[in-house]
PDB file of all heavy atoms in Angstrom:
ATOM      1  N   LYS A   1       0.816  -1.215  -0.002  1.00  0.00           N
ATOM      2  CA  LYS A   1      -0.022  -0.013   0.013  1.00  0.00           C
ATOM      3  C   LYS A   1       0.857   1.270   0.022  1.00  0.00           C
ATOM      4  O   LYS A   1       0.520   2.269  -0.696  1.00  0.00           O
ATOM      5  CB  LYS A   1      -0.965   0.013   1.242  1.00  0.00           C
ATOM      6  CG  LYS A   1      -1.929   1.186   1.160  1.00  0.00           C
ATOM      7  CD  LYS A   1      -2.895   1.146   2.278  1.00  0.00           C
ATOM      8  CE  LYS A   1      -4.021   2.179   2.080  1.00  0.00           C
ATOM      9  NZ  LYS A   1      -3.489   3.520   1.899  1.00  0.00           N
ATOM     10  N   GLU A   2       1.974   1.211   0.764  1.00  0.00           N
ATOM     11  CA  GLU A   2       2.861   2.364   0.797  1.00  0.00           C
ATOM     12  C   GLU A   2       3.446   2.614  -0.646  1.00  0.00           C
ATOM     13  O   GLU A   2       3.579   3.747  -1.080  1.00  0.00           O
ATOM     14  CB  GLU A   2       4.013   2.141   1.775  1.00  0.00           C
ATOM     15  CG  GLU A   2       3.531   2.175   3.241  1.00  0.00           C
ATOM     16  CD  GLU A   2       3.035   0.831   3.746  1.00  0.00           C
ATOM     17  OE1 GLU A   2       2.729  -0.073   2.894  1.00  0.00           O
ATOM     18  OE2 GLU A   2       2.999   0.640   4.961  1.00  0.00           O
ATOM     19  N   PHE A   3       3.802   1.510  -1.303  1.00  0.00           N
ATOM     20  CA  PHE A   3       4.322   1.601  -2.653  1.00  0.00           C
ATOM     21  C   PHE A   3       3.310   2.214  -3.599  1.00  0.00           C
ATOM     22  O   PHE A   3       3.599   3.101  -4.422  1.00  0.00           O
ATOM     23  CB  PHE A   3       4.797   0.219  -3.099  1.00  0.00           C
ATOM     24  CG  PHE A   3       5.562   0.187  -4.413  1.00  0.00           C
ATOM     25  CD1 PHE A   3       6.200   1.351  -4.902  1.00  0.00           C
ATOM     26  CD2 PHE A   3       5.728  -1.009  -5.114  1.00  0.00           C
ATOM     27  CE1 PHE A   3       6.927   1.322  -6.091  1.00  0.00           C
ATOM     28  CE2 PHE A   3       6.477  -1.077  -6.286  1.00  0.00           C
ATOM     29  CZ  PHE A   3       7.057   0.083  -6.752  1.00  0.00           C
ATOM     30  N   MET A   4       2.027   1.713  -3.510  1.00  0.00           N
ATOM     31  CA  MET A   4       0.933   2.204  -4.345  1.00  0.00           C
ATOM     32  C   MET A   4       0.751   3.693  -4.091  1.00  0.00           C
ATOM     33  O   MET A   4       0.623   4.470  -5.047  1.00  0.00           O
ATOM     34  CB  MET A   4      -0.318   1.424  -4.027  1.00  0.00           C
ATOM     35  CG  MET A   4      -1.569   1.976  -4.739  1.00  0.00           C
ATOM     36  SD  MET A   4      -1.699   1.403  -6.493  1.00  0.00           S
ATOM     37  CE  MET A   4      -2.519  -0.155  -6.212  1.00  0.00           C
ATOM     38  N   ASP A   5       0.766   4.141  -2.820  1.00  0.00           N
ATOM     39  CA  ASP A   5       0.507   5.551  -2.511  1.00  0.00           C
ATOM     40  C   ASP A   5       1.627   6.410  -3.075  1.00  0.00           C
ATOM     41  O   ASP A   5       1.365   7.506  -3.626  1.00  0.00           O
ATOM     42  CB  ASP A   5       0.453   5.721  -0.996  1.00  0.00           C
ATOM     43  CG  ASP A   5      -0.795   5.076  -0.395  1.00  0.00           C
ATOM     44  OD1 ASP A   5      -1.767   4.842  -1.121  1.00  0.00           O
ATOM     45  OD2 ASP A   5      -0.825   4.861   0.845  1.00  0.00           O
ATOM     46  N   GLU A   6       2.869   5.906  -3.004  1.00  0.00           N
ATOM     47  CA  GLU A   6       4.034   6.682  -3.491  1.00  0.00           C
ATOM     48  C   GLU A   6       3.925   6.853  -5.001  1.00  0.00           C
ATOM     49  O   GLU A   6       4.138   7.942  -5.549  1.00  0.00           O
ATOM     50  CB  GLU A   6       5.352   5.971  -3.141  1.00  0.00           C
ATOM     51  CG  GLU A   6       5.720   6.104  -1.671  1.00  0.00           C
ATOM     52  CD  GLU A   6       7.064   5.383  -1.411  1.00  0.00           C
ATOM     53  OE1 GLU A   6       8.061   5.976  -1.797  1.00  0.00           O
ATOM     54  OE2 GLU A   6       7.014   4.269  -0.821  1.00  0.00           O
ATOM     55  N   LEU A   7       3.614   5.761  -5.704  1.00  0.00           N
ATOM     56  CA  LEU A   7       3.480   5.830  -7.178  1.00  0.00           C
ATOM     57  C   LEU A   7       2.332   6.744  -7.609  1.00  0.00           C
ATOM     58  O   LEU A   7       2.503   7.492  -8.585  1.00  0.00           O
ATOM     59  CB  LEU A   7       3.323   4.412  -7.735  1.00  0.00           C
ATOM     60  CG  LEU A   7       4.499   3.476  -7.699  1.00  0.00           C
ATOM     61  CD1 LEU A   7       4.121   2.093  -8.265  1.00  0.00           C
ATOM     62  CD2 LEU A   7       5.718   3.997  -8.381  1.00  0.00           C
ATOM     63  N   TYR A   8       1.243   6.638  -6.928  1.00  0.00           N
ATOM     64  CA  TYR A   8       0.091   7.462  -7.302  1.00  0.00           C
ATOM     65  C   TYR A   8       0.371   8.916  -7.073  1.00  0.00           C
ATOM     66  O   TYR A   8       0.037   9.780  -7.894  1.00  0.00           O
ATOM     67  CB  TYR A   8      -1.147   7.042  -6.520  1.00  0.00           C
ATOM     68  CG  TYR A   8      -2.414   7.608  -7.040  1.00  0.00           C
ATOM     69  CD1 TYR A   8      -3.036   7.155  -8.222  1.00  0.00           C
ATOM     70  CD2 TYR A   8      -2.974   8.678  -6.337  1.00  0.00           C
ATOM     71  CE1 TYR A   8      -4.187   7.761  -8.666  1.00  0.00           C
ATOM     72  CE2 TYR A   8      -4.169   9.253  -6.798  1.00  0.00           C
ATOM     73  CZ  TYR A   8      -4.765   8.762  -7.993  1.00  0.00           C
ATOM     74  OH  TYR A   8      -5.930   9.342  -8.432  1.00  0.00           O
ATOM     75  N   GLU A   9       1.042   9.211  -5.963  1.00  0.00           N
ATOM     76  CA  GLU A   9       1.430  10.622  -5.692  1.00  0.00           C
ATOM     77  C   GLU A   9       2.376  11.159  -6.782  1.00  0.00           C
ATOM     78  O   GLU A   9       2.217  12.271  -7.217  1.00  0.00           O
ATOM     79  CB  GLU A   9       2.080  10.703  -4.327  1.00  0.00           C
ATOM     80  CG  GLU A   9       2.490  12.114  -3.906  1.00  0.00           C
ATOM     81  CD  GLU A   9       3.230  12.161  -2.565  1.00  0.00           C
ATOM     82  OE1 GLU A   9       3.435  11.073  -1.955  1.00  0.00           O
ATOM     83  OE2 GLU A   9       3.541  13.282  -2.106  1.00  0.00           O
ATOM     84  N   LEU A  10       3.295  10.313  -7.132  1.00  0.00           N
ATOM     85  CA  LEU A  10       4.212  10.702  -8.192  1.00  0.00           C
ATOM     86  C   LEU A  10       3.510  10.950  -9.509  1.00  0.00           C
ATOM     87  O   LEU A  10       3.809  11.927 -10.246  1.00  0.00           O
ATOM     88  CB  LEU A  10       5.301   9.618  -8.413  1.00  0.00           C
ATOM     89  CG  LEU A  10       6.404   9.913  -9.395  1.00  0.00           C
ATOM     90  CD1 LEU A  10       7.160  11.148  -9.045  1.00  0.00           C
ATOM     91  CD2 LEU A  10       7.342   8.740  -9.508  1.00  0.00           C
ATOM     92  N   ALA A  11       2.550  10.111  -9.828  1.00  0.00           N
ATOM     93  CA  ALA A  11       1.745  10.281 -11.070  1.00  0.00           C
ATOM     94  C   ALA A  11       0.958  11.553 -11.004  1.00  0.00           C
ATOM     95  O   ALA A  11       0.910  12.329 -11.993  1.00  0.00           O
ATOM     96  CB  ALA A  11       0.842   9.092 -11.244  1.00  0.00           C
ATOM     97  N   GLU A  12       0.332  11.853  -9.855  1.00  0.00           N
ATOM     98  CA  GLU A  12      -0.432  13.089  -9.741  1.00  0.00           C
ATOM     99  C   GLU A  12       0.380  14.347  -9.923  1.00  0.00           C
ATOM    100  O   GLU A  12      -0.029  15.341 -10.466  1.00  0.00           O
ATOM    101  CB  GLU A  12      -1.092  13.101  -8.341  1.00  0.00           C
ATOM    102  CG  GLU A  12      -2.310  12.176  -8.176  1.00  0.00           C
ATOM    103  CD  GLU A  12      -3.526  12.758  -8.852  1.00  0.00           C
ATOM    104  OE1 GLU A  12      -3.611  12.657 -10.085  1.00  0.00           O
ATOM    105  OE2 GLU A  12      -4.393  13.266  -8.101  1.00  0.00           O
ATOM    106  N   LYS A  13       1.669  14.260  -9.475  1.00  0.00           N
ATOM    107  CA  LYS A  13       2.579  15.398  -9.591  1.00  0.00           C
ATOM    108  C   LYS A  13       2.890  15.731 -11.076  1.00  0.00           C
ATOM    109  O   LYS A  13       3.310  16.873 -11.374  1.00  0.00           O
ATOM    110  CB  LYS A  13       3.851  15.161  -8.872  1.00  0.00           C
ATOM    111  CG  LYS A  13       3.737  15.221  -7.322  1.00  0.00           C
ATOM    112  CD  LYS A  13       5.060  14.967  -6.649  1.00  0.00           C
ATOM    113  CE  LYS A  13       4.915  15.099  -5.140  1.00  0.00           C
ATOM    114  NZ  LYS A  13       6.219  14.814  -4.436  1.00  0.00           N
ATOM    115  N   GLN A  14       2.688  14.745 -11.940  1.00  0.00           N
ATOM    116  CA  GLN A  14       2.935  14.986 -13.362  1.00  0.00           C
ATOM    117  C   GLN A  14       1.895  15.902 -14.014  1.00  0.00           C
ATOM    118  O   GLN A  14       2.080  16.436 -15.093  1.00  0.00           O
ATOM    119  CB  GLN A  14       3.062  13.683 -14.134  1.00  0.00           C
ATOM    120  CG  GLN A  14       4.017  12.691 -13.498  1.00  0.00           C
ATOM    121  CD  GLN A  14       5.352  13.218 -13.208  1.00  0.00           C
ATOM    122  OE1 GLN A  14       6.051  13.797 -14.130  1.00  0.00           O
ATOM    123  NE2 GLN A  14       5.849  13.064 -11.989  1.00  0.00           N
ATOM    124  N   LYS A  15       0.721  15.994 -13.359  1.00  0.00           N
ATOM    125  CA  LYS A  15      -0.410  16.796 -13.848  1.00  0.00           C
ATOM    126  C   LYS A  15      -0.807  16.505 -15.283  1.00  0.00           C
ATOM    127  O   LYS A  15      -1.022  17.363 -16.114  1.00  0.00           O
ATOM    128  CB  LYS A  15      -0.059  18.312 -13.674  1.00  0.00           C
ATOM    129  CG  LYS A  15       0.252  18.736 -12.243  1.00  0.00           C
ATOM    130  CD  LYS A  15       0.452  20.206 -12.136  1.00  0.00           C
ATOM    131  CE  LYS A  15       0.773  20.611 -10.688  1.00  0.00           C
ATOM    132  NZ  LYS A  15      -0.249  20.186  -9.698  1.00  0.00           N
ATOM    133  N   TRP A  16      -0.864  15.174 -15.585  1.00  0.00           N
ATOM    134  CA  TRP A  16      -1.270  14.771 -16.904  1.00  0.00           C
ATOM    135  C   TRP A  16      -2.793  15.105 -17.101  1.00  0.00           C
ATOM    136  O   TRP A  16      -3.591  14.964 -16.190  1.00  0.00           O
ATOM    137  CB  TRP A  16      -1.048  13.272 -17.075  1.00  0.00           C
ATOM    138  CG  TRP A  16       0.385  12.887 -17.080  1.00  0.00           C
ATOM    139  CD1 TRP A  16       1.384  13.472 -17.755  1.00  0.00           C
ATOM    140  CD2 TRP A  16       0.913  11.735 -16.382  1.00  0.00           C
ATOM    141  NE1 TRP A  16       2.571  12.806 -17.491  1.00  0.00           N
ATOM    142  CE2 TRP A  16       2.319  11.718 -16.690  1.00  0.00           C
ATOM    143  CE3 TRP A  16       0.391  10.716 -15.630  1.00  0.00           C
ATOM    144  CZ2 TRP A  16       3.198  10.755 -16.209  1.00  0.00           C
ATOM    145  CZ3 TRP A  16       1.236   9.743 -15.107  1.00  0.00           C
ATOM    146  CH2 TRP A  16       2.654   9.759 -15.388  1.00  0.00           C
ATOM    147  N   LYS A  17      -3.102  15.536 -18.300  1.00  0.00           N
ATOM    148  CA  LYS A  17      -4.494  15.877 -18.613  1.00  0.00           C
ATOM    149  C   LYS A  17      -5.069  15.115 -19.793  1.00  0.00           C
ATOM    150  O   LYS A  17      -6.211  15.271 -20.152  1.00  0.00           O
ATOM    151  CB  LYS A  17      -4.556  17.389 -18.968  1.00  0.00           C
ATOM    152  CG  LYS A  17      -4.098  18.331 -17.873  1.00  0.00           C
ATOM    153  CD  LYS A  17      -4.971  18.228 -16.608  1.00  0.00           C
ATOM    154  CE  LYS A  17      -4.513  19.296 -15.570  1.00  0.00           C
ATOM    155  NZ  LYS A  17      -5.330  19.147 -14.371  1.00  0.00           N
ATOM    156  N   ASP A  18      -4.248  14.232 -20.325  1.00  0.00           N
ATOM    157  CA  ASP A  18      -4.703  13.475 -21.527  1.00  0.00           C
ATOM    158  C   ASP A  18      -5.764  12.440 -21.175  1.00  0.00           C
ATOM    159  O   ASP A  18      -5.843  11.999 -20.021  1.00  0.00           O
ATOM    160  CB  ASP A  18      -3.507  12.776 -22.206  1.00  0.00           C
ATOM    161  CG  ASP A  18      -2.819  11.830 -21.285  1.00  0.00           C
ATOM    162  OD1 ASP A  18      -2.054  12.271 -20.435  1.00  0.00           O
ATOM    163  OD2 ASP A  18      -3.045  10.585 -21.402  1.00  0.00           O
ATOM    164  N   GLY A  19      -6.549  12.065 -22.150  1.00  0.00           N
ATOM    165  CA  GLY A  19      -7.657  11.128 -21.959  1.00  0.00           C
ATOM    166  C   GLY A  19      -7.197   9.755 -21.470  1.00  0.00           C
ATOM    167  O   GLY A  19      -7.911   9.139 -20.655  1.00  0.00           O
ATOM    168  N   LYS A  20      -6.051   9.317 -21.901  1.00  0.00           N
ATOM    169  CA  LYS A  20      -5.566   7.986 -21.496  1.00  0.00           C
ATOM    170  C   LYS A  20      -5.307   7.945 -20.034  1.00  0.00           C
ATOM    171  O   LYS A  20      -5.677   6.950 -19.327  1.00  0.00           O
ATOM    172  CB  LYS A  20      -4.324   7.635 -22.284  1.00  0.00           C
ATOM    173  CG  LYS A  20      -3.841   6.210 -22.072  1.00  0.00           C
ATOM    174  CD  LYS A  20      -2.683   5.839 -22.976  1.00  0.00           C
ATOM    175  CE  LYS A  20      -2.194   4.398 -22.739  1.00  0.00           C
ATOM    176  NZ  LYS A  20      -1.047   4.064 -23.594  1.00  0.00           N
ATOM    177  N   TRP A  21      -4.693   8.956 -19.483  1.00  0.00           N
ATOM    178  CA  TRP A  21      -4.400   8.997 -18.050  1.00  0.00           C
ATOM    179  C   TRP A  21      -5.679   9.201 -17.255  1.00  0.00           C
ATOM    180  O   TRP A  21      -5.881   8.586 -16.181  1.00  0.00           O
ATOM    181  CB  TRP A  21      -3.424  10.093 -17.694  1.00  0.00           C
ATOM    182  CG  TRP A  21      -3.336  10.342 -16.183  1.00  0.00           C
ATOM    183  CD1 TRP A  21      -3.726  11.491 -15.551  1.00  0.00           C
ATOM    184  CD2 TRP A  21      -2.986   9.440 -15.174  1.00  0.00           C
ATOM    185  NE1 TRP A  21      -3.558  11.341 -14.199  1.00  0.00           N
ATOM    186  CE2 TRP A  21      -3.102  10.087 -13.938  1.00  0.00           C
ATOM    187  CE3 TRP A  21      -2.473   8.107 -15.209  1.00  0.00           C
ATOM    188  CZ2 TRP A  21      -2.806   9.476 -12.741  1.00  0.00           C
ATOM    189  CZ3 TRP A  21      -2.198   7.482 -13.997  1.00  0.00           C
ATOM    190  CH2 TRP A  21      -2.373   8.160 -12.744  1.00  0.00           C
ATOM    191  N   ILE A  22      -6.594  10.077 -17.722  1.00  0.00           N
ATOM    192  CA  ILE A  22      -7.847  10.314 -17.016  1.00  0.00           C
ATOM    193  C   ILE A  22      -8.632   8.956 -16.908  1.00  0.00           C
ATOM    194  O   ILE A  22      -9.179   8.699 -15.850  1.00  0.00           O
ATOM    195  CB  ILE A  22      -8.687  11.395 -17.751  1.00  0.00           C
ATOM    196  CG1 ILE A  22      -7.984  12.714 -17.605  1.00  0.00           C
ATOM    197  CG2 ILE A  22     -10.126  11.472 -17.176  1.00  0.00           C
ATOM    198  CD1 ILE A  22      -8.632  13.825 -18.415  1.00  0.00           C
ATOM    199  N   LYS A  23      -8.644   8.196 -17.941  1.00  0.00           N
ATOM    200  CA  LYS A  23      -9.336   6.914 -17.912  1.00  0.00           C
ATOM    201  C   LYS A  23      -8.642   5.952 -16.936  1.00  0.00           C
ATOM    202  O   LYS A  23      -9.329   5.261 -16.146  1.00  0.00           O
ATOM    203  CB  LYS A  23      -9.371   6.309 -19.319  1.00  0.00           C
ATOM    204  CG  LYS A  23     -10.161   5.038 -19.406  1.00  0.00           C
ATOM    205  CD  LYS A  23     -10.223   4.494 -20.851  1.00  0.00           C
ATOM    206  CE  LYS A  23     -10.985   3.191 -20.922  1.00  0.00           C
ATOM    207  NZ  LYS A  23     -11.090   2.693 -22.348  1.00  0.00           N
ATOM    208  N   ALA A  24      -7.314   5.957 -16.945  1.00  0.00           N
ATOM    209  CA  ALA A  24      -6.566   5.081 -16.035  1.00  0.00           C
ATOM    210  C   ALA A  24      -6.769   5.528 -14.599  1.00  0.00           C
ATOM    211  O   ALA A  24      -6.896   4.729 -13.685  1.00  0.00           O
ATOM    212  CB  ALA A  24      -5.074   5.112 -16.371  1.00  0.00           C
ATOM    213  N   LYS A  25      -6.815   6.835 -14.372  1.00  0.00           N
ATOM    214  CA  LYS A  25      -7.005   7.397 -13.038  1.00  0.00           C
ATOM    215  C   LYS A  25      -8.337   6.997 -12.460  1.00  0.00           C
ATOM    216  O   LYS A  25      -8.473   6.687 -11.236  1.00  0.00           O
ATOM    217  CB  LYS A  25      -6.869   8.896 -13.109  1.00  0.00           C
ATOM    218  CG  LYS A  25      -6.962   9.584 -11.726  1.00  0.00           C
ATOM    219  CD  LYS A  25      -6.729  11.076 -11.802  1.00  0.00           C
ATOM    220  CE  LYS A  25      -6.928  11.731 -10.468  1.00  0.00           C
ATOM    221  NZ  LYS A  25      -6.678  13.233 -10.527  1.00  0.00           N
ATOM    222  N   GLU A  26      -9.380   7.006 -13.320  1.00  0.00           N
ATOM    223  CA  GLU A  26     -10.732   6.619 -12.866  1.00  0.00           C
ATOM    224  C   GLU A  26     -10.739   5.144 -12.373  1.00  0.00           C
ATOM    225  O   GLU A  26     -11.402   4.810 -11.477  1.00  0.00           O
ATOM    226  CB  GLU A  26     -11.733   6.773 -14.009  1.00  0.00           C
ATOM    227  CG  GLU A  26     -12.009   8.205 -14.355  1.00  0.00           C
ATOM    228  CD  GLU A  26     -12.917   8.333 -15.542  1.00  0.00           C
ATOM    229  OE1 GLU A  26     -13.215   7.330 -16.222  1.00  0.00           O
ATOM    230  OE2 GLU A  26     -13.360   9.474 -15.853  1.00  0.00           O
ATOM    231  N   LEU A  27      -9.895   4.304 -13.020  1.00  0.00           N
ATOM    232  CA  LEU A  27      -9.729   2.946 -12.623  1.00  0.00           C
ATOM    233  C   LEU A  27      -8.957   2.805 -11.332  1.00  0.00           C
ATOM    234  O   LEU A  27      -9.319   1.996 -10.418  1.00  0.00           O
ATOM    235  CB  LEU A  27      -9.086   2.113 -13.746  1.00  0.00           C
ATOM    236  CG  LEU A  27      -8.728   0.648 -13.454  1.00  0.00           C
ATOM    237  CD1 LEU A  27     -10.022  -0.168 -13.389  1.00  0.00           C
ATOM    238  CD2 LEU A  27      -7.811   0.112 -14.537  1.00  0.00           C
ATOM    239  N   LEU A  28      -7.880   3.560 -11.232  1.00  0.00           N
ATOM    240  CA  LEU A  28      -6.947   3.371 -10.117  1.00  0.00           C
ATOM    241  C   LEU A  28      -7.327   4.102  -8.846  1.00  0.00           C
ATOM    242  O   LEU A  28      -7.044   3.622  -7.753  1.00  0.00           O
ATOM    243  CB  LEU A  28      -5.566   3.864 -10.593  1.00  0.00           C
ATOM    244  CG  LEU A  28      -4.823   3.030 -11.656  1.00  0.00           C
ATOM    245  CD1 LEU A  28      -3.707   3.836 -12.267  1.00  0.00           C
ATOM    246  CD2 LEU A  28      -4.309   1.744 -11.023  1.00  0.00           C
ATOM    247  N   GLN A  29      -7.957   5.270  -8.980  1.00  0.00           N
ATOM    248  CA  GLN A  29      -8.190   6.080  -7.774  1.00  0.00           C
ATOM    249  C   GLN A  29      -8.966   5.399  -6.697  1.00  0.00           C
ATOM    250  O   GLN A  29      -8.578   5.461  -5.522  1.00  0.00           O
ATOM    251  CB  GLN A  29      -8.898   7.369  -8.168  1.00  0.00           C
ATOM    252  CG  GLN A  29      -8.960   8.362  -7.022  1.00  0.00           C
ATOM    253  CD  GLN A  29      -9.560   9.753  -7.517  1.00  0.00           C
ATOM    254  OE1 GLN A  29     -10.619   9.753  -8.137  1.00  0.00           O
ATOM    255  NE2 GLN A  29      -8.865  10.812  -7.185  1.00  0.00           N
ATOM    256  N   PRO A  30     -10.056   4.660  -7.021  1.00  0.00           N
ATOM    257  CA  PRO A  30     -10.745   3.957  -5.910  1.00  0.00           C
ATOM    258  C   PRO A  30      -9.885   2.889  -5.236  1.00  0.00           C
ATOM    259  O   PRO A  30     -10.063   2.630  -4.034  1.00  0.00           O
ATOM    260  CB  PRO A  30     -11.989   3.318  -6.628  1.00  0.00           C
ATOM    261  CG  PRO A  30     -12.150   4.119  -7.886  1.00  0.00           C
ATOM    262  CD  PRO A  30     -10.754   4.524  -8.269  1.00  0.00           C
ATOM    263  N   ILE A  31      -8.984   2.281  -6.001  1.00  0.00           N
ATOM    264  CA  ILE A  31      -8.101   1.244  -5.439  1.00  0.00           C
ATOM    265  C   ILE A  31      -7.131   1.899  -4.496  1.00  0.00           C
ATOM    266  O   ILE A  31      -6.878   1.426  -3.403  1.00  0.00           O
ATOM    267  CB  ILE A  31      -7.346   0.520  -6.592  1.00  0.00           C
ATOM    268  CG1 ILE A  31      -8.331  -0.022  -7.645  1.00  0.00           C
ATOM    269  CG2 ILE A  31      -6.498  -0.617  -5.967  1.00  0.00           C
ATOM    270  CD1 ILE A  31      -9.358  -0.975  -7.180  1.00  0.00           C
ATOM    271  N   VAL A  32      -6.567   3.024  -4.915  1.00  0.00           N
ATOM    272  CA  VAL A  32      -5.570   3.758  -4.101  1.00  0.00           C
ATOM    273  C   VAL A  32      -6.255   4.286  -2.840  1.00  0.00           C
ATOM    274  O   VAL A  32      -5.693   4.146  -1.732  1.00  0.00           O
ATOM    275  CB  VAL A  32      -4.948   4.906  -4.885  1.00  0.00           C
ATOM    276  CG1 VAL A  32      -4.048   5.723  -4.017  1.00  0.00           C
ATOM    277  CG2 VAL A  32      -4.212   4.358  -6.102  1.00  0.00           C
ATOM    278  N   LEU A  33      -7.415   4.863  -2.998  1.00  0.00           N
ATOM    279  CA  LEU A  33      -8.089   5.495  -1.818  1.00  0.00           C
ATOM    280  C   LEU A  33      -8.922   4.492  -1.051  1.00  0.00           C
ATOM    281  O   LEU A  33      -9.498   4.851   0.000  1.00  0.00           O
ATOM    282  CB  LEU A  33      -8.956   6.650  -2.301  1.00  0.00           C
ATOM    283  CG  LEU A  33      -8.221   7.756  -3.079  1.00  0.00           C
ATOM    284  CD1 LEU A  33      -9.191   8.861  -3.489  1.00  0.00           C
ATOM    285  CD2 LEU A  33      -7.123   8.368  -2.186  1.00  0.00           C
ATOM    286  N   GLN A  34      -9.064   3.279  -1.598  1.00  0.00           N
ATOM    287  CA  GLN A  34      -9.842   2.239  -0.945  1.00  0.00           C
ATOM    288  C   GLN A  34     -11.316   2.664  -0.774  1.00  0.00           C
ATOM    289  O   GLN A  34     -11.966   2.399   0.233  1.00  0.00           O
ATOM    290  CB  GLN A  34      -9.238   1.807   0.438  1.00  0.00           C
ATOM    291  CG  GLN A  34      -7.865   1.198   0.346  1.00  0.00           C
ATOM    292  CD  GLN A  34      -7.927  -0.181  -0.248  1.00  0.00           C
ATOM    293  OE1 GLN A  34      -8.146  -1.162   0.438  1.00  0.00           O
ATOM    294  NE2 GLN A  34      -7.616  -0.272  -1.517  1.00  0.00           N
ATOM    295  N   GLU A  35     -11.847   3.236  -1.828  1.00  0.00           N
ATOM    296  CA  GLU A  35     -13.207   3.644  -1.873  1.00  0.00           C
ATOM    297  C   GLU A  35     -14.081   2.510  -2.373  1.00  0.00           C
ATOM    298  O   GLU A  35     -13.694   1.612  -3.049  1.00  0.00           O
ATOM    299  CB  GLU A  35     -13.395   4.890  -2.762  1.00  0.00           C
ATOM    300  CG  GLU A  35     -12.661   6.120  -2.235  1.00  0.00           C
ATOM    301  CD  GLU A  35     -12.757   7.297  -3.213  1.00  0.00           C
ATOM    302  OE1 GLU A  35     -13.001   7.027  -4.381  1.00  0.00           O
ATOM    303  OE2 GLU A  35     -12.567   8.424  -2.760  1.00  0.00           O
ATOM    304  N   ASN A  36     -15.396   2.654  -2.053  1.00  0.00           N
ATOM    305  CA  ASN A  36     -16.357   1.702  -2.542  1.00  0.00           C
ATOM    306  C   ASN A  36     -16.570   1.883  -4.043  1.00  0.00           C
ATOM    307  O   ASN A  36     -16.629   3.015  -4.571  1.00  0.00           O
ATOM    308  CB  ASN A  36     -17.717   1.920  -1.804  1.00  0.00           C
ATOM    309  CG  ASN A  36     -18.606   0.722  -1.876  1.00  0.00           C
ATOM    310  OD1 ASN A  36     -18.408  -0.230  -2.606  1.00  0.00           O
ATOM    311  ND2 ASN A  36     -19.627   0.748  -1.038  1.00  0.00           N
ATOM    312  N   ILE A  37     -16.658   0.760  -4.756  1.00  0.00           N
ATOM    313  CA  ILE A  37     -16.942   0.765  -6.169  1.00  0.00           C
ATOM    314  C   ILE A  37     -18.286  -0.004  -6.456  1.00  0.00           C
ATOM    315  O   ILE A  37     -18.290  -1.217  -6.354  1.00  0.00           O
ATOM    316  CB  ILE A  37     -15.828   0.114  -7.012  1.00  0.00           C
ATOM    317  CG1 ILE A  37     -14.506   0.807  -6.783  1.00  0.00           C
ATOM    318  CG2 ILE A  37     -16.192   0.169  -8.474  1.00  0.00           C
ATOM    319  CD1 ILE A  37     -13.328   0.143  -7.485  1.00  0.00           C
ATOM    320  N   GLU A  38     -19.317   0.750  -6.705  1.00  0.00           N
ATOM    321  CA  GLU A  38     -20.610   0.190  -6.986  1.00  0.00           C
ATOM    322  C   GLU A  38     -20.985  -0.910  -5.980  1.00  0.00           C
ATOM    323  O   GLU A  38     -21.398  -2.046  -6.299  1.00  0.00           O
ATOM    324  CB  GLU A  38     -20.641  -0.429  -8.431  1.00  0.00           C
ATOM    325  CG  GLU A  38     -20.405   0.619  -9.490  1.00  0.00           C
ATOM    326  CD  GLU A  38     -20.480   0.034 -10.902  1.00  0.00           C
ATOM    327  OE1 GLU A  38     -20.464  -1.199 -11.025  1.00  0.00           O
ATOM    328  OE2 GLU A  38     -20.479   0.803 -11.838  1.00  0.00           O
ATOM    329  N   ASN A  39     -20.754  -0.598  -4.710  1.00  0.00           N
ATOM    330  CA  ASN A  39     -21.149  -1.432  -3.631  1.00  0.00           C
ATOM    331  C   ASN A  39     -20.356  -2.764  -3.566  1.00  0.00           C
ATOM    332  O   ASN A  39     -20.769  -3.747  -3.044  1.00  0.00           O
ATOM    333  CB  ASN A  39     -22.620  -1.814  -3.699  1.00  0.00           C
ATOM    334  CG  ASN A  39     -23.288  -1.834  -2.332  1.00  0.00           C
ATOM    335  OD1 ASN A  39     -22.810  -1.189  -1.401  1.00  0.00           O
ATOM    336  ND2 ASN A  39     -24.362  -2.548  -2.197  1.00  0.00           N
ATOM    337  N   THR A  40     -19.141  -2.758  -4.162  1.00  0.00           N
ATOM    338  CA  THR A  40     -18.268  -3.869  -4.209  1.00  0.00           C
ATOM    339  C   THR A  40     -17.032  -3.599  -3.411  1.00  0.00           C
ATOM    340  O   THR A  40     -16.440  -2.535  -3.555  1.00  0.00           O
ATOM    341  CB  THR A  40     -17.879  -4.271  -5.623  1.00  0.00           C
ATOM    342  OG1 THR A  40     -19.070  -4.588  -6.325  1.00  0.00           O
ATOM    343  CG2 THR A  40     -16.964  -5.501  -5.665  1.00  0.00           C
TER     344      THR A  40
END
């Protein structure tokens, strides 16, 4: 989890705005933040 948090923080610092990253971020963010995904 610490590794995941570090990598995600580094990715966020890049301030990417392209569609490919935005789509990947939508997939990764709930995993990183441990949020609920559609009640799963």
